[in-house]
Amino acid sequence: MKKITLILLVFITSCDISEEEEAQSQIHVSVFLYENCPIAQYMTLPLNNAYEEFYSSNVSFTAYFPNILSSNESINNFRDKYSILFPCVDDQNGYFVELYQASVYSQVFVEKDGIIVYSGMIENSYSDLGQWSPADKYYLYDVLDALINDNEVPWESNTAIGCLI
C-alpha cells in the first residue's frame, strides 16, 4: 500500500476535541474525472450515491480534473449537470495524477489515515471500453462499508476502465 503524506500547518486555539473524535479514522475518496469521458459521466451516479451514503465528518470525497482542456467553467458545468455533491478540483498541472499514479478517468482511490487501501474501479459496469453491462460488483461501496464498520477491506485494487489520462 502506498502512503501519501500531506503537510498541513494548523494553529490550534482550543483543545476541545474529545478522545473519541481523536481516535476516529479519517477516510478520503479521490476520483479522477473528465467532462468529455462517457465513462466518467456515467460514474457520477454511483459516486454521488456513495457520497450520500458515506459522507460524514470522517469520510470526504474530492474529484480531480487533470485534463488540459478542462477549465473552471467546464468543471463547474460538469458538476452542475451531473449534480456532483463534493468538491471538484482543477488539476491541470497533474500534481494529483502524479501523486496517486492515476491512469484513467473515473479511477478511484480510497485512503484511510493517509494510506491508500483501495484503488481501481468504482463498480464493474464497464468491463472494457464500450462494453457496458449492469454492475454486479460495487467496489467503492464495499470498501467504504468495510472501513466504516471496521471490517477487513474486501478489495485492494483492480484495473480501472476509462478514458486514458
N, C-alpha and C. Protein backbone atom coordinates (compact mmCIF):
# COMPACT_ATOMS: atom_id res chain seq x y z
N MET A 1 0.83 -1.17 0.00
CA MET A 1 0.00 0.00 0.00
C MET A 1 0.88 1.24 0.00
N LYS A 2 0.46 2.23 -0.73
CA LYS A 2 1.23 3.46 -0.86
C LYS A 2 0.73 4.47 0.15
N LYS A 3 1.63 5.11 0.86
CA LYS A 3 1.25 6.13 1.83
C LYS A 3 1.46 7.50 1.20
N ILE A 4 0.46 8.35 1.37
CA ILE A 4 0.52 9.71 0.85
C ILE A 4 0.61 10.64 2.04
N THR A 5 1.59 11.51 2.03
CA THR A 5 1.77 12.43 3.13
C THR A 5 1.51 13.84 2.65
N LEU A 6 0.57 14.50 3.28
CA LEU A 6 0.28 15.90 3.02
C LEU A 6 0.66 16.67 4.26
N ILE A 7 1.38 17.75 4.10
CA ILE A 7 1.80 18.56 5.23
C ILE A 7 0.85 19.73 5.36
N LEU A 8 0.24 19.85 6.51
CA LEU A 8 -0.68 20.95 6.79
C LEU A 8 -0.21 21.66 8.05
N LEU A 9 -0.22 22.97 8.02
CA LEU A 9 0.07 23.75 9.20
C LEU A 9 -1.26 24.14 9.82
N VAL A 10 -1.44 23.77 11.06
CA VAL A 10 -2.69 24.05 11.76
C VAL A 10 -2.37 24.76 13.06
N PHE A 11 -3.07 25.82 13.31
CA PHE A 11 -2.92 26.54 14.56
C PHE A 11 -4.13 26.21 15.43
N ILE A 12 -3.88 25.56 16.54
CA ILE A 12 -4.96 25.15 17.42
C ILE A 12 -5.11 26.19 18.52
N THR A 13 -6.32 26.71 18.66
CA THR A 13 -6.58 27.70 19.69
C THR A 13 -7.38 27.09 20.84
N SER A 14 -7.85 25.88 20.64
CA SER A 14 -8.65 25.23 21.66
C SER A 14 -8.39 23.74 21.61
N CYS A 15 -8.51 23.09 22.73
CA CYS A 15 -8.32 21.64 22.80
C CYS A 15 -9.61 20.96 23.19
N ASP A 16 -10.68 21.28 22.48
CA ASP A 16 -12.00 20.74 22.79
C ASP A 16 -12.31 19.46 22.01
N ILE A 17 -11.30 18.77 21.51
CA ILE A 17 -11.51 17.55 20.75
C ILE A 17 -11.62 16.39 21.74
N SER A 18 -12.70 15.64 21.63
CA SER A 18 -12.88 14.51 22.53
C SER A 18 -11.95 13.38 22.13
N GLU A 19 -11.70 12.48 23.06
CA GLU A 19 -10.85 11.32 22.76
C GLU A 19 -11.47 10.47 21.67
N GLU A 20 -12.80 10.39 21.66
CA GLU A 20 -13.50 9.60 20.64
C GLU A 20 -13.26 10.19 19.25
N GLU A 21 -13.36 11.53 19.12
CA GLU A 21 -13.14 12.18 17.83
C GLU A 21 -11.68 12.03 17.40
N GLU A 22 -10.77 12.11 18.35
CA GLU A 22 -9.35 12.00 18.04
C GLU A 22 -9.01 10.60 17.53
N ALA A 23 -9.67 9.58 18.08
CA ALA A 23 -9.39 8.20 17.69
C ALA A 23 -10.07 7.80 16.38
N GLN A 24 -11.01 8.60 15.90
CA GLN A 24 -11.77 8.27 14.70
C GLN A 24 -10.87 8.32 13.46
N SER A 25 -10.95 7.29 12.64
CA SER A 25 -10.15 7.23 11.42
C SER A 25 -10.66 8.23 10.40
N GLN A 26 -9.75 8.76 9.60
CA GLN A 26 -10.10 9.65 8.50
C GLN A 26 -10.05 8.87 7.20
N ILE A 27 -11.13 8.93 6.44
CA ILE A 27 -11.23 8.21 5.18
C ILE A 27 -11.45 9.24 4.08
N HIS A 28 -10.67 9.14 3.01
CA HIS A 28 -10.82 10.08 1.90
C HIS A 28 -10.91 9.32 0.58
N VAL A 29 -11.87 9.74 -0.25
CA VAL A 29 -12.06 9.18 -1.58
C VAL A 29 -11.63 10.22 -2.60
N SER A 30 -10.71 9.85 -3.48
CA SER A 30 -10.27 10.70 -4.58
C SER A 30 -10.63 10.01 -5.88
N VAL A 31 -11.21 10.78 -6.80
CA VAL A 31 -11.58 10.22 -8.10
C VAL A 31 -11.13 11.18 -9.19
N PHE A 32 -10.75 10.62 -10.33
CA PHE A 32 -10.29 11.42 -11.46
C PHE A 32 -11.37 11.41 -12.54
N LEU A 33 -11.80 12.60 -12.94
CA LEU A 33 -12.89 12.74 -13.90
C LEU A 33 -12.49 13.67 -15.04
N TYR A 34 -13.19 13.53 -16.16
CA TYR A 34 -13.02 14.42 -17.31
C TYR A 34 -14.39 14.64 -17.92
N GLU A 35 -14.70 15.87 -18.22
CA GLU A 35 -16.01 16.26 -18.71
C GLU A 35 -16.45 15.51 -19.96
N ASN A 36 -15.53 15.17 -20.84
CA ASN A 36 -15.87 14.55 -22.14
C ASN A 36 -15.66 13.04 -22.18
N CYS A 37 -15.46 12.42 -21.04
CA CYS A 37 -15.29 10.97 -20.99
C CYS A 37 -16.63 10.33 -20.62
N PRO A 38 -17.23 9.54 -21.52
CA PRO A 38 -18.53 8.92 -21.24
C PRO A 38 -18.54 8.04 -19.98
N ILE A 39 -17.45 7.35 -19.71
CA ILE A 39 -17.41 6.50 -18.52
C ILE A 39 -17.38 7.37 -17.26
N ALA A 40 -16.62 8.45 -17.29
CA ALA A 40 -16.60 9.37 -16.15
C ALA A 40 -17.99 9.97 -15.93
N GLN A 41 -18.66 10.30 -17.03
CA GLN A 41 -20.02 10.84 -16.92
C GLN A 41 -20.94 9.81 -16.26
N TYR A 42 -20.87 8.58 -16.72
CA TYR A 42 -21.71 7.51 -16.19
C TYR A 42 -21.44 7.27 -14.70
N MET A 43 -20.18 7.33 -14.30
CA MET A 43 -19.80 7.01 -12.93
C MET A 43 -20.20 8.08 -11.92
N THR A 44 -20.68 9.23 -12.38
CA THR A 44 -21.10 10.26 -11.43
C THR A 44 -22.27 9.80 -10.57
N LEU A 45 -23.17 8.98 -11.10
CA LEU A 45 -24.30 8.50 -10.31
C LEU A 45 -23.84 7.58 -9.17
N PRO A 46 -23.04 6.53 -9.45
CA PRO A 46 -22.59 5.72 -8.31
C PRO A 46 -21.69 6.49 -7.34
N LEU A 47 -20.96 7.48 -7.84
CA LEU A 47 -20.15 8.32 -6.94
C LEU A 47 -21.04 9.13 -6.01
N ASN A 48 -22.05 9.76 -6.58
CA ASN A 48 -22.98 10.54 -5.75
C ASN A 48 -23.71 9.65 -4.75
N ASN A 49 -24.09 8.45 -5.18
CA ASN A 49 -24.75 7.52 -4.27
C ASN A 49 -23.84 7.15 -3.10
N ALA A 50 -22.58 6.88 -3.40
CA ALA A 50 -21.62 6.55 -2.33
C ALA A 50 -21.42 7.75 -1.41
N TYR A 51 -21.34 8.93 -2.00
CA TYR A 51 -21.18 10.14 -1.19
C TYR A 51 -22.37 10.30 -0.25
N GLU A 52 -23.57 10.18 -0.77
CA GLU A 52 -24.77 10.34 0.06
C GLU A 52 -24.83 9.29 1.17
N GLU A 53 -24.36 8.09 0.88
CA GLU A 53 -24.40 7.01 1.86
C GLU A 53 -23.33 7.17 2.94
N PHE A 54 -22.13 7.62 2.57
CA PHE A 54 -21.00 7.54 3.49
C PHE A 54 -20.41 8.86 3.96
N TYR A 55 -20.76 9.98 3.32
CA TYR A 55 -20.16 11.24 3.72
C TYR A 55 -20.48 11.53 5.18
N SER A 56 -19.45 11.88 5.92
CA SER A 56 -19.60 12.25 7.32
C SER A 56 -18.38 13.05 7.72
N SER A 57 -18.27 13.32 8.98
CA SER A 57 -17.13 14.11 9.44
C SER A 57 -15.80 13.40 9.22
N ASN A 58 -15.82 12.07 9.10
CA ASN A 58 -14.56 11.37 8.89
C ASN A 58 -14.44 10.73 7.51
N VAL A 59 -15.41 10.95 6.61
CA VAL A 59 -15.32 10.46 5.24
C VAL A 59 -15.53 11.65 4.31
N SER A 60 -14.56 11.88 3.43
CA SER A 60 -14.65 13.00 2.50
C SER A 60 -14.35 12.52 1.08
N PHE A 61 -14.79 13.30 0.10
CA PHE A 61 -14.63 12.98 -1.31
C PHE A 61 -14.06 14.20 -2.04
N THR A 62 -13.22 13.96 -3.05
CA THR A 62 -12.74 15.02 -3.94
C THR A 62 -12.63 14.45 -5.35
N ALA A 63 -13.11 15.23 -6.33
CA ALA A 63 -12.94 14.86 -7.74
C ALA A 63 -11.86 15.75 -8.33
N TYR A 64 -10.92 15.14 -9.04
CA TYR A 64 -9.83 15.88 -9.69
C TYR A 64 -10.02 15.83 -11.20
N PHE A 65 -9.79 16.95 -11.84
CA PHE A 65 -9.94 17.11 -13.29
C PHE A 65 -8.58 17.48 -13.88
N PRO A 66 -7.78 16.50 -14.32
CA PRO A 66 -6.42 16.78 -14.77
C PRO A 66 -6.25 17.04 -16.27
N ASN A 67 -7.33 17.23 -17.00
CA ASN A 67 -7.20 17.43 -18.44
C ASN A 67 -6.88 18.88 -18.77
N ILE A 68 -5.95 19.10 -19.69
CA ILE A 68 -5.57 20.48 -20.04
C ILE A 68 -6.71 21.22 -20.72
N LEU A 69 -7.70 20.51 -21.24
CA LEU A 69 -8.86 21.15 -21.86
C LEU A 69 -9.91 21.57 -20.83
N SER A 70 -9.74 21.11 -19.59
CA SER A 70 -10.68 21.48 -18.54
C SER A 70 -10.42 22.92 -18.10
N SER A 71 -11.48 23.59 -17.73
CA SER A 71 -11.38 24.95 -17.18
C SER A 71 -12.31 25.03 -15.98
N ASN A 72 -12.18 26.07 -15.21
CA ASN A 72 -13.09 26.22 -14.07
C ASN A 72 -14.54 26.22 -14.54
N GLU A 73 -14.80 26.86 -15.67
CA GLU A 73 -16.16 26.92 -16.20
C GLU A 73 -16.65 25.52 -16.62
N SER A 74 -15.82 24.77 -17.34
CA SER A 74 -16.25 23.44 -17.79
C SER A 74 -16.41 22.47 -16.62
N ILE A 75 -15.56 22.60 -15.61
CA ILE A 75 -15.67 21.76 -14.42
C ILE A 75 -16.95 22.10 -13.66
N ASN A 76 -17.23 23.39 -13.49
CA ASN A 76 -18.45 23.81 -12.80
C ASN A 76 -19.70 23.36 -13.57
N ASN A 77 -19.66 23.45 -14.90
CA ASN A 77 -20.78 22.99 -15.72
C ASN A 77 -21.00 21.48 -15.55
N PHE A 78 -19.91 20.72 -15.54
CA PHE A 78 -19.98 19.27 -15.34
C PHE A 78 -20.55 18.96 -13.96
N ARG A 79 -20.03 19.65 -12.95
CA ARG A 79 -20.51 19.45 -11.58
C ARG A 79 -22.02 19.71 -11.50
N ASP A 80 -22.46 20.80 -12.12
CA ASP A 80 -23.89 21.13 -12.09
C ASP A 80 -24.73 20.13 -12.90
N LYS A 81 -24.26 19.78 -14.10
CA LYS A 81 -25.02 18.87 -14.97
C LYS A 81 -25.22 17.51 -14.31
N TYR A 82 -24.19 16.99 -13.63
CA TYR A 82 -24.26 15.67 -13.02
C TYR A 82 -24.50 15.73 -11.51
N SER A 83 -24.83 16.91 -11.02
CA SER A 83 -25.18 17.11 -9.60
C SER A 83 -24.14 16.52 -8.65
N ILE A 84 -22.88 16.75 -8.96
CA ILE A 84 -21.80 16.24 -8.10
C ILE A 84 -21.86 16.99 -6.77
N LEU A 85 -21.88 16.24 -5.70
CA LEU A 85 -22.13 16.78 -4.38
C LEU A 85 -20.88 17.11 -3.58
N PHE A 86 -19.72 16.85 -4.14
CA PHE A 86 -18.47 17.03 -3.41
C PHE A 86 -17.52 17.93 -4.20
N PRO A 87 -16.43 18.40 -3.58
CA PRO A 87 -15.53 19.35 -4.25
C PRO A 87 -14.93 18.79 -5.54
N CYS A 88 -14.84 19.67 -6.53
CA CYS A 88 -14.22 19.36 -7.82
C CYS A 88 -13.01 20.29 -7.98
N VAL A 89 -11.85 19.71 -8.25
CA VAL A 89 -10.60 20.46 -8.26
C VAL A 89 -9.93 20.35 -9.62
N ASP A 90 -9.52 21.49 -10.16
CA ASP A 90 -8.77 21.53 -11.41
C ASP A 90 -7.34 21.08 -11.13
N ASP A 91 -6.89 20.05 -11.82
CA ASP A 91 -5.53 19.51 -11.62
C ASP A 91 -4.75 19.57 -12.93
N GLN A 92 -4.84 20.69 -13.64
CA GLN A 92 -4.17 20.81 -14.94
C GLN A 92 -2.66 20.61 -14.86
N ASN A 93 -2.08 20.92 -13.72
CA ASN A 93 -0.63 20.72 -13.60
C ASN A 93 -0.27 19.26 -13.31
N GLY A 94 -1.28 18.41 -13.10
CA GLY A 94 -1.04 16.97 -12.92
C GLY A 94 -0.48 16.57 -11.57
N TYR A 95 -0.52 17.47 -10.61
CA TYR A 95 0.04 17.16 -9.29
C TYR A 95 -0.61 15.91 -8.68
N PHE A 96 -1.95 15.85 -8.68
CA PHE A 96 -2.64 14.73 -8.06
C PHE A 96 -2.57 13.46 -8.90
N VAL A 97 -2.51 13.61 -10.22
CA VAL A 97 -2.31 12.44 -11.09
C VAL A 97 -0.99 11.77 -10.73
N GLU A 98 0.04 12.57 -10.58
CA GLU A 98 1.36 12.02 -10.24
C GLU A 98 1.37 11.45 -8.82
N LEU A 99 0.77 12.17 -7.90
CA LEU A 99 0.74 11.73 -6.51
C LEU A 99 0.08 10.36 -6.37
N TYR A 100 -1.06 10.17 -7.04
CA TYR A 100 -1.79 8.92 -6.95
C TYR A 100 -1.40 7.91 -8.02
N GLN A 101 -0.66 8.35 -9.04
CA GLN A 101 -0.33 7.49 -10.18
C GLN A 101 -1.60 7.04 -10.90
N ALA A 102 -2.53 7.97 -11.07
CA ALA A 102 -3.79 7.69 -11.75
C ALA A 102 -3.53 7.51 -13.24
N SER A 103 -4.31 6.63 -13.88
CA SER A 103 -4.08 6.37 -15.30
C SER A 103 -5.33 6.57 -16.17
N VAL A 104 -6.53 6.49 -15.58
CA VAL A 104 -7.75 6.65 -16.37
C VAL A 104 -8.76 7.51 -15.60
N TYR A 105 -9.65 8.12 -16.38
CA TYR A 105 -10.73 8.89 -15.77
C TYR A 105 -11.78 7.95 -15.20
N SER A 106 -12.17 8.24 -14.02
CA SER A 106 -13.08 7.54 -13.13
C SER A 106 -12.35 6.54 -12.24
N GLN A 107 -11.02 6.54 -12.28
CA GLN A 107 -10.26 5.72 -11.33
C GLN A 107 -10.42 6.35 -9.95
N VAL A 108 -10.65 5.50 -8.95
CA VAL A 108 -10.90 5.98 -7.60
C VAL A 108 -9.83 5.44 -6.65
N PHE A 109 -9.51 6.25 -5.65
CA PHE A 109 -8.54 5.88 -4.62
C PHE A 109 -9.19 6.13 -3.27
N VAL A 110 -9.09 5.17 -2.37
CA VAL A 110 -9.63 5.32 -1.03
C VAL A 110 -8.46 5.25 -0.05
N GLU A 111 -8.37 6.27 0.78
CA GLU A 111 -7.31 6.32 1.79
C GLU A 111 -7.93 6.24 3.18
N LYS A 112 -7.24 5.56 4.03
CA LYS A 112 -7.60 5.56 5.45
C LYS A 112 -6.38 6.06 6.20
N ASP A 113 -6.55 7.15 6.90
CA ASP A 113 -5.46 7.77 7.65
C ASP A 113 -4.22 7.99 6.78
N GLY A 114 -4.45 8.42 5.53
CA GLY A 114 -3.35 8.77 4.63
C GLY A 114 -2.73 7.60 3.89
N ILE A 115 -3.23 6.40 4.08
CA ILE A 115 -2.70 5.22 3.40
C ILE A 115 -3.74 4.71 2.40
N ILE A 116 -3.32 4.53 1.16
CA ILE A 116 -4.25 4.03 0.14
C ILE A 116 -4.56 2.57 0.44
N VAL A 117 -5.86 2.30 0.66
CA VAL A 117 -6.30 0.94 0.96
C VAL A 117 -7.04 0.32 -0.22
N TYR A 118 -7.42 1.15 -1.21
CA TYR A 118 -8.08 0.64 -2.41
C TYR A 118 -7.82 1.60 -3.56
N SER A 119 -7.58 1.02 -4.75
CA SER A 119 -7.51 1.81 -5.98
C SER A 119 -8.09 0.97 -7.11
N GLY A 120 -8.86 1.65 -7.98
CA GLY A 120 -9.41 0.93 -9.12
C GLY A 120 -10.77 1.44 -9.53
N MET A 121 -11.66 0.48 -9.85
CA MET A 121 -13.00 0.78 -10.34
C MET A 121 -13.92 1.24 -9.22
N ILE A 122 -14.90 2.03 -9.60
CA ILE A 122 -15.98 2.41 -8.69
C ILE A 122 -16.95 1.23 -8.59
N GLU A 123 -17.28 0.67 -9.72
CA GLU A 123 -18.10 -0.53 -9.84
C GLU A 123 -17.78 -1.15 -11.19
N ASN A 124 -18.29 -2.33 -11.48
CA ASN A 124 -17.83 -3.07 -12.67
C ASN A 124 -18.80 -3.03 -13.85
N SER A 125 -19.52 -1.95 -14.03
CA SER A 125 -20.45 -1.90 -15.17
C SER A 125 -19.73 -1.82 -16.51
N TYR A 126 -18.48 -1.38 -16.51
CA TYR A 126 -17.67 -1.38 -17.74
C TYR A 126 -16.57 -2.42 -17.59
N SER A 127 -16.62 -3.46 -18.42
CA SER A 127 -15.57 -4.49 -18.40
C SER A 127 -14.45 -4.14 -19.37
N ASP A 128 -14.75 -3.23 -20.31
CA ASP A 128 -13.78 -2.73 -21.28
C ASP A 128 -14.40 -1.47 -21.88
N LEU A 129 -13.60 -0.71 -22.59
CA LEU A 129 -14.13 0.49 -23.23
C LEU A 129 -15.26 0.09 -24.17
N GLY A 130 -16.40 0.75 -24.03
CA GLY A 130 -17.55 0.47 -24.88
C GLY A 130 -18.32 -0.79 -24.54
N GLN A 131 -17.92 -1.50 -23.49
CA GLN A 131 -18.60 -2.75 -23.13
C GLN A 131 -19.27 -2.59 -21.77
N TRP A 132 -20.53 -2.20 -21.81
CA TRP A 132 -21.30 -1.95 -20.59
C TRP A 132 -22.26 -3.09 -20.31
N SER A 133 -22.42 -3.39 -19.04
CA SER A 133 -23.47 -4.30 -18.57
C SER A 133 -23.81 -3.87 -17.15
N PRO A 134 -24.96 -4.25 -16.65
CA PRO A 134 -25.31 -3.85 -15.28
C PRO A 134 -24.25 -4.31 -14.28
N ALA A 135 -23.93 -3.45 -13.36
CA ALA A 135 -22.90 -3.78 -12.36
C ALA A 135 -23.39 -4.89 -11.44
N ASP A 136 -22.45 -5.75 -11.04
CA ASP A 136 -22.75 -6.73 -10.00
C ASP A 136 -21.69 -6.71 -8.90
N LYS A 137 -20.71 -5.83 -9.06
CA LYS A 137 -19.70 -5.61 -8.02
C LYS A 137 -19.61 -4.11 -7.79
N TYR A 138 -19.75 -3.71 -6.54
CA TYR A 138 -19.76 -2.29 -6.17
C TYR A 138 -18.55 -2.04 -5.26
N TYR A 139 -17.39 -1.95 -5.90
CA TYR A 139 -16.12 -1.90 -5.18
C TYR A 139 -16.06 -0.74 -4.19
N LEU A 140 -16.32 0.47 -4.64
CA LEU A 140 -16.22 1.64 -3.76
C LEU A 140 -17.17 1.49 -2.57
N TYR A 141 -18.40 1.13 -2.83
CA TYR A 141 -19.38 0.96 -1.76
C TYR A 141 -18.90 -0.09 -0.75
N ASP A 142 -18.44 -1.24 -1.25
CA ASP A 142 -18.00 -2.33 -0.37
C ASP A 142 -16.80 -1.92 0.47
N VAL A 143 -15.86 -1.19 -0.13
CA VAL A 143 -14.66 -0.75 0.61
C VAL A 143 -15.05 0.23 1.70
N LEU A 144 -15.88 1.22 1.36
CA LEU A 144 -16.28 2.21 2.36
C LEU A 144 -17.11 1.57 3.48
N ASP A 145 -18.00 0.66 3.12
CA ASP A 145 -18.79 -0.03 4.12
C ASP A 145 -17.90 -0.81 5.08
N ALA A 146 -16.90 -1.50 4.55
CA ALA A 146 -15.97 -2.25 5.40
C ALA A 146 -15.18 -1.32 6.32
N LEU A 147 -14.69 -0.21 5.79
CA LEU A 147 -13.92 0.72 6.61
C LEU A 147 -14.75 1.33 7.72
N ILE A 148 -15.98 1.74 7.39
CA ILE A 148 -16.86 2.35 8.38
C ILE A 148 -17.20 1.37 9.51
N ASN A 149 -17.33 0.11 9.15
CA ASN A 149 -17.73 -0.92 10.13
C ASN A 149 -16.54 -1.68 10.71
N ASP A 150 -15.31 -1.16 10.48
CA ASP A 150 -14.09 -1.78 11.00
C ASP A 150 -13.95 -3.24 10.60
N ASN A 151 -14.34 -3.53 9.36
CA ASN A 151 -14.16 -4.88 8.80
C ASN A 151 -12.97 -4.88 7.85
N GLU A 152 -12.57 -6.07 7.46
CA GLU A 152 -11.48 -6.20 6.50
C GLU A 152 -11.95 -5.69 5.14
N VAL A 153 -11.09 -4.91 4.48
CA VAL A 153 -11.41 -4.36 3.16
C VAL A 153 -11.45 -5.51 2.15
N PRO A 154 -12.58 -5.68 1.44
CA PRO A 154 -12.73 -6.84 0.56
C PRO A 154 -11.95 -6.74 -0.75
N TRP A 155 -11.55 -5.54 -1.14
CA TRP A 155 -10.82 -5.33 -2.39
C TRP A 155 -9.63 -4.43 -2.10
N GLU A 156 -8.48 -4.76 -2.66
CA GLU A 156 -7.30 -3.90 -2.50
C GLU A 156 -7.10 -3.05 -3.75
N SER A 157 -7.26 -3.67 -4.92
CA SER A 157 -7.11 -2.93 -6.17
C SER A 157 -7.63 -3.77 -7.34
N ASN A 158 -7.87 -3.09 -8.42
CA ASN A 158 -8.19 -3.71 -9.70
C ASN A 158 -7.88 -2.68 -10.78
N THR A 159 -7.98 -3.08 -12.00
CA THR A 159 -7.66 -2.17 -13.11
C THR A 159 -8.91 -1.40 -13.49
N ALA A 160 -8.85 -0.09 -13.29
CA ALA A 160 -9.98 0.76 -13.64
C ALA A 160 -10.11 0.85 -15.16
N ILE A 161 -11.35 0.91 -15.62
CA ILE A 161 -11.65 1.05 -17.04
C ILE A 161 -12.13 2.49 -17.26
N GLY A 162 -11.57 3.16 -18.25
CA GLY A 162 -11.99 4.53 -18.54
C GLY A 162 -11.12 5.14 -19.62
N CYS A 163 -11.38 6.40 -19.89
CA CYS A 163 -10.59 7.15 -20.86
C CYS A 163 -9.21 7.40 -20.27
N LEU A 164 -8.18 7.28 -21.08
CA LEU A 164 -6.82 7.48 -20.60
C LEU A 164 -6.56 8.93 -20.21
N ILE A 165 -5.86 9.08 -19.10
CA ILE A 165 -5.48 10.43 -18.65
C ILE A 165 -4.32 10.90 -19.51
